[in-house]
Amino acid sequence: MVKFRKKSDLPTKICPVCQRPFTWRKKWQDCWDDVKYCSERCRRRRDDTKHHHDQS
């Protein structure tokens, strides 16, 4: 029997791009340790933030 967790009991991380918390998702169950960004948009924007800092 599978035990279900409450949403409030799921692990969370902070996205380094937008600085918002995001919660574990089932699609990340096999790679949660490798997940760094809350969304595809933030993953793409990570490079933009580096370029902006370098140009200053």
PDB file of N, CA and C in Angstrom:
ATOM      1  N   MET A   1       0.838  -1.186   0.000  1.00  0.00           N
ATOM      2  CA  MET A   1       0.000   0.000   0.000  1.00  0.00           C
ATOM      3  C   MET A   1       0.883   1.250   0.000  1.00  0.00           C
ATOM      4  N   VAL A   2       0.572   2.189  -0.878  1.00  0.00           N
ATOM      5  CA  VAL A   2       1.339   3.416  -0.985  1.00  0.00           C
ATOM      6  C   VAL A   2       0.814   4.439   0.013  1.00  0.00           C
ATOM      7  N   LYS A   3       1.738   5.040   0.732  1.00  0.00           N
ATOM      8  CA  LYS A   3       1.338   6.091   1.660  1.00  0.00           C
ATOM      9  C   LYS A   3       1.388   7.423   0.927  1.00  0.00           C
ATOM     10  N   PHE A   4       0.334   8.192   1.097  1.00  0.00           N
ATOM     11  CA  PHE A   4       0.276   9.496   0.453  1.00  0.00           C
ATOM     12  C   PHE A   4       0.753  10.558   1.430  1.00  0.00           C
ATOM     13  N   ARG A   5       1.413  11.553   0.895  1.00  0.00           N
ATOM     14  CA  ARG A   5       1.886  12.668   1.708  1.00  0.00           C
ATOM     15  C   ARG A   5       0.983  13.875   1.486  1.00  0.00           C
ATOM     16  N   LYS A   6       0.856  14.658   2.500  1.00  0.00           N
ATOM     17  CA  LYS A   6       0.156  15.927   2.336  1.00  0.00           C
ATOM     18  C   LYS A   6       1.044  16.842   1.507  1.00  0.00           C
ATOM     19  N   LYS A   7       0.435  17.744   0.775  1.00  0.00           N
ATOM     20  CA  LYS A   7       1.227  18.673  -0.029  1.00  0.00           C
ATOM     21  C   LYS A   7       2.181  19.479   0.838  1.00  0.00           C
ATOM     22  N   SER A   8       1.756  19.806   2.026  1.00  0.00           N
ATOM     23  CA  SER A   8       2.602  20.598   2.920  1.00  0.00           C
ATOM     24  C   SER A   8       3.819  19.817   3.426  1.00  0.00           C
ATOM     25  N   ASP A   9       3.796  18.491   3.285  1.00  0.00           N
ATOM     26  CA  ASP A   9       4.912  17.653   3.737  1.00  0.00           C
ATOM     27  C   ASP A   9       5.942  17.382   2.639  1.00  0.00           C
ATOM     28  N   LEU A  10       5.675  17.842   1.431  1.00  0.00           N
ATOM     29  CA  LEU A  10       6.598  17.586   0.331  1.00  0.00           C
ATOM     30  C   LEU A  10       7.840  18.465   0.466  1.00  0.00           C
ATOM     31  N   PRO A  11       8.989  17.965   0.002  1.00  0.00           N
ATOM     32  CA  PRO A  11      10.207  18.772   0.089  1.00  0.00           C
ATOM     33  C   PRO A  11      10.147  19.992  -0.825  1.00  0.00           C
ATOM     34  N   THR A  12      10.861  21.018  -0.456  1.00  0.00           N
ATOM     35  CA  THR A  12      10.907  22.234  -1.263  1.00  0.00           C
ATOM     36  C   THR A  12      12.356  22.668  -1.467  1.00  0.00           C
ATOM     37  N   LYS A  13      12.550  23.496  -2.476  1.00  0.00           N
ATOM     38  CA  LYS A  13      13.845  24.121  -2.760  1.00  0.00           C
ATOM     39  C   LYS A  13      13.578  25.561  -3.165  1.00  0.00           C
ATOM     40  N   ILE A  14      14.628  26.367  -3.190  1.00  0.00           N
ATOM     41  CA  ILE A  14      14.534  27.749  -3.647  1.00  0.00           C
ATOM     42  C   ILE A  14      15.203  27.845  -5.015  1.00  0.00           C
ATOM     43  N   CYS A  15      14.493  28.408  -5.955  1.00  0.00           N
ATOM     44  CA  CYS A  15      15.026  28.576  -7.304  1.00  0.00           C
ATOM     45  C   CYS A  15      16.094  29.678  -7.283  1.00  0.00           C
ATOM     46  N   PRO A  16      17.293  29.415  -7.795  1.00  0.00           N
ATOM     47  CA  PRO A  16      18.351  30.433  -7.770  1.00  0.00           C
ATOM     48  C   PRO A  16      18.104  31.608  -8.723  1.00  0.00           C
ATOM     49  N   VAL A  17      17.200  31.445  -9.673  1.00  0.00           N
ATOM     50  CA  VAL A  17      16.932  32.510 -10.638  1.00  0.00           C
ATOM     51  C   VAL A  17      15.862  33.471 -10.119  1.00  0.00           C
ATOM     52  N   CYS A  18      14.712  32.932  -9.729  1.00  0.00           N
ATOM     53  CA  CYS A  18      13.602  33.790  -9.302  1.00  0.00           C
ATOM     54  C   CYS A  18      13.496  33.916  -7.779  1.00  0.00           C
ATOM     55  N   GLN A  19      14.277  33.126  -7.054  1.00  0.00           N
ATOM     56  CA  GLN A  19      14.297  33.157  -5.587  1.00  0.00           C
ATOM     57  C   GLN A  19      12.977  32.753  -4.946  1.00  0.00           C
ATOM     58  N   ARG A  20      12.166  32.002  -5.674  1.00  0.00           N
ATOM     59  CA  ARG A  20      10.892  31.524  -5.131  1.00  0.00           C
ATOM     60  C   ARG A  20      11.012  30.064  -4.743  1.00  0.00           C
ATOM     61  N   PRO A  21      10.259  29.660  -3.726  1.00  0.00           N
ATOM     62  CA  PRO A  21      10.259  28.240  -3.363  1.00  0.00           C
ATOM     63  C   PRO A  21       9.458  27.417  -4.369  1.00  0.00           C
ATOM     64  N   PHE A  22       9.910  26.215  -4.607  1.00  0.00           N
ATOM     65  CA  PHE A  22       9.123  25.296  -5.423  1.00  0.00           C
ATOM     66  C   PHE A  22       9.129  23.924  -4.765  1.00  0.00           C
ATOM     67  N   THR A  23       8.089  23.173  -5.041  1.00  0.00           N
ATOM     68  CA  THR A  23       7.825  21.917  -4.350  1.00  0.00           C
ATOM     69  C   THR A  23       8.096  20.718  -5.251  1.00  0.00           C
ATOM     70  N   TRP A  24       8.460  19.632  -4.623  1.00  0.00           N
ATOM     71  CA  TRP A  24       8.704  18.364  -5.302  1.00  0.00           C
ATOM     72  C   TRP A  24       7.518  17.987  -6.176  1.00  0.00           C
ATOM     73  N   ARG A  25       7.824  17.445  -7.350  1.00  0.00           N
ATOM     74  CA  ARG A  25       6.785  16.944  -8.259  1.00  0.00           C
ATOM     75  C   ARG A  25       7.070  15.495  -8.600  1.00  0.00           C
ATOM     76  N   LYS A  26       6.027  14.778  -8.903  1.00  0.00           N
ATOM     77  CA  LYS A  26       6.177  13.356  -9.208  1.00  0.00           C
ATOM     78  C   LYS A  26       7.135  13.125 -10.371  1.00  0.00           C
ATOM     79  N   LYS A  27       7.107  13.996 -11.365  1.00  0.00           N
ATOM     80  CA  LYS A  27       7.993  13.803 -12.518  1.00  0.00           C
ATOM     81  C   LYS A  27       9.471  13.960 -12.136  1.00  0.00           C
ATOM     82  N   TRP A  28       9.736  14.559 -10.976  1.00  0.00           N
ATOM     83  CA  TRP A  28      11.113  14.725 -10.508  1.00  0.00           C
ATOM     84  C   TRP A  28      11.517  13.656  -9.497  1.00  0.00           C
ATOM     85  N   GLN A  29      10.711  12.650  -9.298  1.00  0.00           N
ATOM     86  CA  GLN A  29      10.982  11.690  -8.231  1.00  0.00           C
ATOM     87  C   GLN A  29      12.324  10.976  -8.393  1.00  0.00           C
ATOM     88  N   ASP A  30      12.760  10.772  -9.630  1.00  0.00           N
ATOM     89  CA  ASP A  30      14.030  10.066  -9.856  1.00  0.00           C
ATOM     90  C   ASP A  30      15.230  11.005  -9.923  1.00  0.00           C
ATOM     91  N   CYS A  31      14.987  12.306  -9.980  1.00  0.00           N
ATOM     92  CA  CYS A  31      16.105  13.232 -10.150  1.00  0.00           C
ATOM     93  C   CYS A  31      16.003  14.471  -9.257  1.00  0.00           C
ATOM     94  N   TRP A  32      15.272  14.382  -8.174  1.00  0.00           N
ATOM     95  CA  TRP A  32      15.053  15.533  -7.300  1.00  0.00           C
ATOM     96  C   TRP A  32      16.363  16.186  -6.853  1.00  0.00           C
ATOM     97  N   ASP A  33      17.377  15.388  -6.587  1.00  0.00           N
ATOM     98  CA  ASP A  33      18.657  15.942  -6.147  1.00  0.00           C
ATOM     99  C   ASP A  33      19.312  16.802  -7.219  1.00  0.00           C
ATOM    100  N   ASP A  34      18.991  16.531  -8.474  1.00  0.00           N
ATOM    101  CA  ASP A  34      19.584  17.280  -9.585  1.00  0.00           C
ATOM    102  C   ASP A  34      18.758  18.494 -10.005  1.00  0.00           C
ATOM    103  N   VAL A  35      17.535  18.578  -9.531  1.00  0.00           N
ATOM    104  CA  VAL A  35      16.662  19.692  -9.930  1.00  0.00           C
ATOM    105  C   VAL A  35      17.134  20.956  -9.229  1.00  0.00           C
ATOM    106  N   LYS A  36      17.353  22.023 -10.025  1.00  0.00           N
ATOM    107  CA  LYS A  36      17.814  23.287  -9.466  1.00  0.00           C
ATOM    108  C   LYS A  36      16.851  24.426  -9.729  1.00  0.00           C
ATOM    109  N   TYR A  37      16.070  24.322 -10.787  1.00  0.00           N
ATOM    110  CA  TYR A  37      15.229  25.427 -11.216  1.00  0.00           C
ATOM    111  C   TYR A  37      13.760  25.040 -11.130  1.00  0.00           C
ATOM    112  N   CYS A  38      12.920  26.019 -10.845  1.00  0.00           N
ATOM    113  CA  CYS A  38      11.496  25.732 -10.651  1.00  0.00           C
ATOM    114  C   CYS A  38      10.767  25.495 -11.966  1.00  0.00           C
ATOM    115  N   SER A  39      11.327  25.974 -13.071  1.00  0.00           N
ATOM    116  CA  SER A  39      10.626  25.874 -14.346  1.00  0.00           C
ATOM    117  C   SER A  39      11.618  25.890 -15.495  1.00  0.00           C
ATOM    118  N   GLU A  40      11.125  25.549 -16.642  1.00  0.00           N
ATOM    119  CA  GLU A  40      11.936  25.613 -17.857  1.00  0.00           C
ATOM    120  C   GLU A  40      12.344  27.061 -18.131  1.00  0.00           C
ATOM    121  N   ARG A  41      11.447  27.983 -17.866  1.00  0.00           N
ATOM    122  CA  ARG A  41      11.735  29.396 -18.073  1.00  0.00           C
ATOM    123  C   ARG A  41      12.930  29.849 -17.226  1.00  0.00           C
ATOM    124  N   CYS A  42      12.949  29.470 -15.964  1.00  0.00           N
ATOM    125  CA  CYS A  42      14.071  29.837 -15.096  1.00  0.00           C
ATOM    126  C   CYS A  42      15.349  29.129 -15.528  1.00  0.00           C
ATOM    127  N   ARG A  43      15.224  27.907 -15.961  1.00  0.00           N
ATOM    128  CA  ARG A  43      16.413  27.187 -16.424  1.00  0.00           C
ATOM    129  C   ARG A  43      17.040  27.908 -17.615  1.00  0.00           C
ATOM    130  N   ARG A  44      16.203  28.408 -18.518  1.00  0.00           N
ATOM    131  CA  ARG A  44      16.706  29.155 -19.674  1.00  0.00           C
ATOM    132  C   ARG A  44      17.279  30.506 -19.264  1.00  0.00           C
ATOM    133  N   ARG A  45      16.663  31.135 -18.293  1.00  0.00           N
ATOM    134  CA  ARG A  45      17.081  32.476 -17.863  1.00  0.00           C
ATOM    135  C   ARG A  45      18.358  32.457 -17.030  1.00  0.00           C
ATOM    136  N   ARG A  46      18.789  31.302 -16.555  1.00  0.00           N
ATOM    137  CA  ARG A  46      20.008  31.239 -15.741  1.00  0.00           C
ATOM    138  C   ARG A  46      21.192  31.809 -16.498  1.00  0.00           C
ATOM    139  N   ASP A  47      21.252  31.550 -17.813  1.00  0.00           N
ATOM    140  CA  ASP A  47      22.351  32.056 -18.626  1.00  0.00           C
ATOM    141  C   ASP A  47      22.251  33.565 -18.797  1.00  0.00           C
ATOM    142  N   ASP A  48      21.046  34.085 -18.896  1.00  0.00           N
ATOM    143  CA  ASP A  48      20.860  35.527 -19.030  1.00  0.00           C
ATOM    144  C   ASP A  48      21.394  36.272 -17.822  1.00  0.00           C
ATOM    145  N   THR A  49      21.185  35.736 -16.648  1.00  0.00           N
ATOM    146  CA  THR A  49      21.636  36.426 -15.441  1.00  0.00           C
ATOM    147  C   THR A  49      23.157  36.448 -15.392  1.00  0.00           C
ATOM    148  N   LYS A  50      23.816  35.410 -15.849  1.00  0.00           N
ATOM    149  CA  LYS A  50      25.276  35.391 -15.879  1.00  0.00           C
ATOM    150  C   LYS A  50      25.810  36.426 -16.857  1.00  0.00           C
ATOM    151  N   HIS A  51      25.205  36.516 -18.029  1.00  0.00           N
ATOM    152  CA  HIS A  51      25.664  37.463 -19.043  1.00  0.00           C
ATOM    153  C   HIS A  51      25.489  38.899 -18.585  1.00  0.00           C
ATOM    154  N   HIS A  52      24.407  39.186 -17.905  1.00  0.00           N
ATOM    155  CA  HIS A  52      24.161  40.547 -17.435  1.00  0.00           C
ATOM    156  C   HIS A  52      25.181  40.946 -16.381  1.00  0.00           C
ATOM    157  N   HIS A  53      25.579  40.029 -15.530  1.00  0.00           N
ATOM    158  CA  HIS A  53      26.567  40.337 -14.497  1.00  0.00           C
ATOM    159  C   HIS A  53      27.947  40.535 -15.110  1.00  0.00           C
ATOM    160  N   ASP A  54      28.269  39.783 -16.136  1.00  0.00           N
ATOM    161  CA  ASP A  54      29.578  39.885 -16.773  1.00  0.00           C
ATOM    162  C   ASP A  54      29.751  41.194 -17.530  1.00  0.00           C
ATOM    163  N   GLN A  55      28.671  41.707 -18.089  1.00  0.00           N
ATOM    164  CA  GLN A  55      28.739  42.914 -18.895  1.00  0.00           C
ATOM    165  C   GLN A  55      28.856  44.177 -18.051  1.00  0.00           C
ATOM    166  N   SER A  56      28.501  44.117 -16.790  1.00  0.00           N
ATOM    167  CA  SER A  56      28.514  45.301 -15.936  1.00  0.00           C
ATOM    168  C   SER A  56      29.918  45.739 -15.604  1.00  0.00           C
TER     169      SER A  56
END
